[in-house]
N, C-alpha and C. Protein backbone atom coordinates (compact mmCIF):
# COMPACT_ATOMS: atom_id res chain seq x y z
N MET A 1 55.91 -99.17 3.72
CA MET A 1 56.69 -99.65 2.57
C MET A 1 57.41 -100.92 2.97
N ILE A 2 57.30 -101.91 2.13
CA ILE A 2 58.02 -103.16 2.31
C ILE A 2 59.41 -102.96 1.72
N PHE A 3 60.42 -103.46 2.41
CA PHE A 3 61.80 -103.29 1.96
C PHE A 3 61.95 -103.68 0.49
N GLY A 4 62.52 -102.76 -0.29
CA GLY A 4 62.79 -103.04 -1.70
C GLY A 4 61.64 -102.73 -2.64
N GLN A 5 60.48 -102.34 -2.11
CA GLN A 5 59.35 -102.02 -2.97
C GLN A 5 58.94 -100.57 -2.75
N ASN A 6 58.60 -99.92 -3.81
CA ASN A 6 58.13 -98.54 -3.73
C ASN A 6 56.74 -98.49 -4.33
N TRP A 7 55.72 -98.48 -3.49
CA TRP A 7 54.34 -98.54 -3.94
C TRP A 7 53.86 -97.22 -4.52
N ASN A 8 54.60 -96.14 -4.29
CA ASN A 8 54.19 -94.84 -4.80
C ASN A 8 54.75 -94.54 -6.18
N ARG A 9 55.51 -95.44 -6.73
CA ARG A 9 56.14 -95.19 -8.03
C ARG A 9 55.08 -95.17 -9.13
N GLU A 10 55.11 -94.12 -9.93
CA GLU A 10 54.17 -94.01 -11.04
C GLU A 10 54.63 -94.88 -12.21
N VAL A 11 53.67 -95.34 -12.97
CA VAL A 11 53.99 -96.15 -14.14
C VAL A 11 54.01 -95.22 -15.35
N TYR A 12 55.12 -95.18 -16.04
CA TYR A 12 55.28 -94.32 -17.21
C TYR A 12 55.10 -95.15 -18.48
N PRO A 13 54.62 -94.49 -19.54
CA PRO A 13 54.49 -95.21 -20.82
C PRO A 13 55.88 -95.49 -21.39
N PRO A 14 55.95 -96.33 -22.41
CA PRO A 14 57.24 -96.57 -23.07
C PRO A 14 57.82 -95.26 -23.60
N VAL A 15 59.13 -95.18 -23.64
CA VAL A 15 59.80 -93.96 -24.09
C VAL A 15 59.53 -93.73 -25.57
N ASP A 16 59.01 -92.54 -25.89
CA ASP A 16 58.81 -92.10 -27.26
C ASP A 16 59.09 -90.60 -27.28
N PRO A 17 60.24 -90.19 -27.79
CA PRO A 17 60.61 -88.78 -27.69
C PRO A 17 59.90 -87.84 -28.66
N ALA A 18 59.00 -88.33 -29.48
CA ALA A 18 58.39 -87.48 -30.52
C ALA A 18 57.67 -86.26 -29.92
N VAL A 19 56.82 -86.48 -28.92
CA VAL A 19 56.08 -85.37 -28.31
C VAL A 19 57.04 -84.45 -27.57
N PHE A 20 58.02 -85.04 -26.88
CA PHE A 20 59.02 -84.26 -26.15
C PHE A 20 59.79 -83.35 -27.11
N LYS A 21 60.19 -83.88 -28.26
CA LYS A 21 60.91 -83.08 -29.27
C LYS A 21 60.02 -81.98 -29.83
N LYS A 22 58.76 -82.31 -30.07
CA LYS A 22 57.83 -81.31 -30.58
C LYS A 22 57.65 -80.18 -29.56
N SER A 23 57.52 -80.53 -28.29
CA SER A 23 57.40 -79.52 -27.24
C SER A 23 58.64 -78.64 -27.19
N ALA A 24 59.81 -79.23 -27.31
CA ALA A 24 61.05 -78.46 -27.30
C ALA A 24 61.10 -77.50 -28.49
N HIS A 25 60.63 -77.96 -29.65
CA HIS A 25 60.59 -77.09 -30.83
C HIS A 25 59.69 -75.88 -30.57
N TYR A 26 58.49 -76.14 -30.05
CA TYR A 26 57.58 -75.03 -29.78
C TYR A 26 58.12 -74.11 -28.69
N PHE A 27 58.81 -74.68 -27.70
CA PHE A 27 59.38 -73.86 -26.65
C PHE A 27 60.44 -72.92 -27.22
N HIS A 28 61.18 -73.40 -28.20
CA HIS A 28 62.16 -72.53 -28.87
C HIS A 28 61.45 -71.34 -29.52
N LEU A 29 60.29 -71.57 -30.11
CA LEU A 29 59.52 -70.47 -30.70
C LEU A 29 59.06 -69.49 -29.62
N LEU A 30 58.72 -70.01 -28.44
CA LEU A 30 58.34 -69.13 -27.34
C LEU A 30 59.51 -68.23 -26.94
N PHE A 31 60.73 -68.79 -26.93
CA PHE A 31 61.91 -67.98 -26.64
C PHE A 31 62.10 -66.89 -27.70
N GLU A 32 61.85 -67.23 -28.95
CA GLU A 32 61.95 -66.21 -30.01
C GLU A 32 60.95 -65.08 -29.75
N ASP A 33 59.73 -65.46 -29.37
CA ASP A 33 58.72 -64.45 -29.07
C ASP A 33 59.13 -63.60 -27.87
N ALA A 34 59.69 -64.23 -26.86
CA ALA A 34 60.16 -63.49 -25.69
C ALA A 34 61.23 -62.48 -26.10
N GLY A 35 62.09 -62.88 -27.02
CA GLY A 35 63.12 -61.97 -27.53
C GLY A 35 62.51 -60.77 -28.24
N LYS A 36 61.48 -61.02 -29.06
CA LYS A 36 60.80 -59.91 -29.75
C LYS A 36 60.21 -58.93 -28.74
N ILE A 37 59.60 -59.48 -27.69
CA ILE A 37 58.96 -58.63 -26.68
C ILE A 37 60.00 -57.80 -25.94
N THR A 38 61.06 -58.45 -25.48
CA THR A 38 62.06 -57.71 -24.70
C THR A 38 62.80 -56.69 -25.56
N GLU A 39 63.03 -57.01 -26.83
CA GLU A 39 63.66 -56.03 -27.73
C GLU A 39 62.76 -54.80 -27.89
N LYS A 40 61.46 -55.03 -28.04
CA LYS A 40 60.54 -53.91 -28.22
C LYS A 40 60.45 -53.06 -26.95
N ILE A 41 60.39 -53.72 -25.79
CA ILE A 41 60.30 -52.99 -24.52
C ILE A 41 61.55 -52.17 -24.28
N THR A 42 62.72 -52.74 -24.56
CA THR A 42 63.97 -52.04 -24.28
C THR A 42 64.37 -51.06 -25.37
N GLY A 43 63.71 -51.11 -26.50
CA GLY A 43 64.06 -50.24 -27.62
C GLY A 43 63.65 -48.79 -27.37
N THR A 44 64.06 -47.98 -28.30
CA THR A 44 63.68 -46.57 -28.22
C THR A 44 62.21 -46.43 -28.57
N GLY A 45 61.65 -45.33 -28.23
CA GLY A 45 60.23 -45.10 -28.52
C GLY A 45 59.39 -45.22 -27.27
N THR A 46 58.09 -45.22 -27.49
CA THR A 46 57.15 -45.15 -26.37
C THR A 46 56.45 -46.47 -26.07
N TYR A 47 56.91 -47.57 -26.68
CA TYR A 47 56.22 -48.86 -26.52
C TYR A 47 56.07 -49.23 -25.04
N ALA A 48 57.17 -49.18 -24.28
CA ALA A 48 57.13 -49.59 -22.87
C ALA A 48 56.15 -48.73 -22.09
N SER A 49 56.19 -47.42 -22.31
CA SER A 49 55.29 -46.52 -21.58
C SER A 49 53.83 -46.79 -21.92
N LYS A 50 53.53 -46.96 -23.20
CA LYS A 50 52.15 -47.22 -23.62
C LYS A 50 51.65 -48.55 -23.06
N PHE A 51 52.50 -49.58 -23.09
CA PHE A 51 52.12 -50.88 -22.56
C PHE A 51 51.80 -50.77 -21.07
N MET A 52 52.68 -50.10 -20.31
CA MET A 52 52.46 -49.93 -18.88
C MET A 52 51.18 -49.14 -18.60
N GLU A 53 50.95 -48.09 -19.36
CA GLU A 53 49.74 -47.28 -19.17
C GLU A 53 48.48 -48.11 -19.36
N HIS A 54 48.45 -48.93 -20.41
CA HIS A 54 47.28 -49.79 -20.63
C HIS A 54 47.08 -50.75 -19.47
N ALA A 55 48.15 -51.38 -19.05
CA ALA A 55 48.03 -52.34 -17.95
C ALA A 55 47.59 -51.66 -16.66
N GLN A 56 48.19 -50.53 -16.35
CA GLN A 56 47.87 -49.85 -15.10
C GLN A 56 46.47 -49.25 -15.10
N LYS A 57 45.89 -49.02 -16.28
CA LYS A 57 44.50 -48.58 -16.38
C LYS A 57 43.54 -49.76 -16.50
N ASN A 58 44.07 -50.98 -16.35
CA ASN A 58 43.30 -52.22 -16.48
C ASN A 58 42.72 -52.39 -17.88
N GLU A 59 43.45 -51.91 -18.86
CA GLU A 59 43.07 -52.06 -20.27
C GLU A 59 43.83 -53.26 -20.84
N LYS A 60 43.48 -54.42 -20.31
CA LYS A 60 44.20 -55.65 -20.67
C LYS A 60 44.11 -55.95 -22.16
N LYS A 61 42.94 -55.74 -22.74
CA LYS A 61 42.74 -56.03 -24.16
C LYS A 61 43.73 -55.23 -25.02
N GLU A 62 43.92 -53.96 -24.69
CA GLU A 62 44.84 -53.12 -25.45
C GLU A 62 46.29 -53.55 -25.25
N ALA A 63 46.65 -53.90 -24.01
CA ALA A 63 48.02 -54.34 -23.73
C ALA A 63 48.33 -55.64 -24.47
N VAL A 64 47.39 -56.58 -24.44
CA VAL A 64 47.59 -57.85 -25.17
C VAL A 64 47.67 -57.58 -26.67
N SER A 65 46.86 -56.67 -27.16
CA SER A 65 46.88 -56.32 -28.58
C SER A 65 48.25 -55.77 -29.00
N MET A 66 48.86 -54.98 -28.12
CA MET A 66 50.20 -54.46 -28.43
C MET A 66 51.20 -55.61 -28.59
N LEU A 67 51.09 -56.62 -27.71
CA LEU A 67 52.01 -57.76 -27.82
C LEU A 67 51.72 -58.57 -29.08
N LYS A 68 50.47 -58.82 -29.35
CA LYS A 68 50.11 -59.58 -30.56
C LYS A 68 50.54 -58.86 -31.83
N GLY A 69 50.64 -57.55 -31.77
CA GLY A 69 51.08 -56.77 -32.91
C GLY A 69 52.55 -56.98 -33.26
N LEU A 70 53.27 -57.74 -32.44
CA LEU A 70 54.68 -58.01 -32.71
C LEU A 70 54.88 -59.26 -33.57
N SER A 71 53.81 -59.78 -34.14
CA SER A 71 53.86 -60.98 -34.99
C SER A 71 54.44 -62.18 -34.24
N LEU A 72 53.84 -62.48 -33.09
CA LEU A 72 54.30 -63.60 -32.28
C LEU A 72 53.81 -64.92 -32.85
N HIS A 73 54.57 -65.99 -32.59
CA HIS A 73 54.15 -67.34 -32.96
C HIS A 73 53.11 -67.88 -31.98
N SER A 74 53.09 -67.34 -30.78
CA SER A 74 52.33 -67.92 -29.68
C SER A 74 51.12 -67.08 -29.31
N ASP A 75 50.23 -67.72 -28.55
CA ASP A 75 49.14 -67.00 -27.92
C ASP A 75 49.76 -66.28 -26.72
N VAL A 76 49.09 -65.23 -26.26
CA VAL A 76 49.67 -64.44 -25.17
C VAL A 76 48.58 -64.04 -24.18
N ASP A 77 48.95 -64.02 -22.93
CA ASP A 77 48.08 -63.51 -21.87
C ASP A 77 48.96 -62.69 -20.94
N ILE A 78 48.36 -61.79 -20.19
CA ILE A 78 49.14 -61.01 -19.22
C ILE A 78 48.40 -60.97 -17.89
N ARG A 79 49.20 -60.83 -16.85
CA ARG A 79 48.70 -60.58 -15.50
C ARG A 79 49.60 -59.52 -14.91
N TYR A 80 49.04 -58.64 -14.11
CA TYR A 80 49.87 -57.57 -13.60
C TYR A 80 49.45 -57.20 -12.19
N THR A 81 50.42 -56.65 -11.47
CA THR A 81 50.24 -56.10 -10.14
C THR A 81 50.87 -54.72 -10.17
N PRO A 82 50.77 -53.95 -9.09
CA PRO A 82 51.46 -52.66 -9.09
C PRO A 82 52.98 -52.77 -9.22
N GLU A 83 53.56 -53.94 -8.91
CA GLU A 83 55.00 -54.12 -8.98
C GLU A 83 55.51 -54.87 -10.21
N THR A 84 54.69 -55.77 -10.76
CA THR A 84 55.18 -56.64 -11.84
C THR A 84 54.14 -56.85 -12.93
N VAL A 85 54.64 -57.28 -14.08
CA VAL A 85 53.78 -57.78 -15.14
C VAL A 85 54.27 -59.18 -15.47
N SER A 86 53.34 -60.10 -15.65
CA SER A 86 53.66 -61.44 -16.12
C SER A 86 53.10 -61.57 -17.53
N ILE A 87 53.97 -61.88 -18.45
CA ILE A 87 53.58 -62.11 -19.84
C ILE A 87 53.67 -63.61 -20.06
N ILE A 88 52.53 -64.23 -20.35
CA ILE A 88 52.47 -65.68 -20.50
C ILE A 88 52.37 -65.99 -21.99
N LEU A 89 53.38 -66.67 -22.50
CA LEU A 89 53.39 -67.10 -23.90
C LEU A 89 52.99 -68.57 -23.94
N ILE A 90 52.02 -68.89 -24.78
CA ILE A 90 51.44 -70.22 -24.84
C ILE A 90 51.59 -70.76 -26.25
N ALA A 91 52.23 -71.91 -26.36
CA ALA A 91 52.44 -72.52 -27.69
C ALA A 91 51.10 -72.81 -28.34
N SER A 92 51.07 -72.72 -29.66
CA SER A 92 49.82 -72.87 -30.41
C SER A 92 49.16 -74.22 -30.20
N ASP A 93 49.93 -75.26 -29.91
CA ASP A 93 49.30 -76.57 -29.67
C ASP A 93 49.16 -76.89 -28.19
N GLN A 94 49.36 -75.86 -27.33
CA GLN A 94 49.17 -75.97 -25.88
C GLN A 94 50.16 -76.91 -25.19
N CYS A 95 51.27 -77.23 -25.84
CA CYS A 95 52.23 -78.17 -25.26
C CYS A 95 53.10 -77.54 -24.19
N CYS A 96 53.23 -76.23 -24.20
CA CYS A 96 54.15 -75.60 -23.26
C CYS A 96 53.85 -74.11 -23.14
N GLN A 97 54.39 -73.54 -22.06
CA GLN A 97 54.23 -72.12 -21.79
C GLN A 97 55.56 -71.54 -21.33
N LEU A 98 55.70 -70.26 -21.53
CA LEU A 98 56.84 -69.52 -21.00
C LEU A 98 56.28 -68.29 -20.30
N VAL A 99 56.61 -68.15 -19.03
CA VAL A 99 56.12 -67.02 -18.25
C VAL A 99 57.28 -66.04 -18.03
N MET A 100 57.08 -64.83 -18.48
CA MET A 100 58.06 -63.76 -18.28
C MET A 100 57.51 -62.86 -17.17
N ARG A 101 58.19 -62.79 -16.05
CA ARG A 101 57.76 -61.90 -14.97
C ARG A 101 58.76 -60.77 -14.87
N LEU A 102 58.28 -59.56 -15.12
CA LEU A 102 59.14 -58.39 -15.15
C LEU A 102 58.68 -57.37 -14.12
N ARG A 103 59.62 -56.82 -13.39
CA ARG A 103 59.31 -55.73 -12.43
C ARG A 103 59.16 -54.43 -13.20
N TRP A 104 58.24 -53.62 -12.74
CA TRP A 104 58.14 -52.29 -13.35
C TRP A 104 58.00 -51.19 -12.31
N SER A 105 58.15 -51.55 -11.05
CA SER A 105 58.24 -50.52 -10.01
C SER A 105 59.00 -51.07 -8.83
C-alpha cells in the first residue's frame, strides 16, 4: 500500500435508499412472522410437541406445513439437529432473511 491510498477499497454505487427501505419493510414482516411462530410454540396446546415430533422423525414437509399454516408473509425453511431447530424466514422478494435458532434439548 502506498501511503494515503487504499487499493482494496470497494467502489459503491451512488446512495439510493429505496432498496434499503424496501428491505427494512420486508424485514419488519419477517419479525411479525417470527412473533406468530413463537406465540404458537409457547402457547397452550400440542403445537410445539407435534412440530418437534415431525422434525425428529425427519418429516420436514409436515413441519414446514405447520409453520406455513400460521398465515406467514414469508417463505419458510427449517434445519434441525438433535439440539436445535433453525427456522429460516425468507422475504417474498428474496431481499432478506431472518434465522431463528431455538434449542429444544
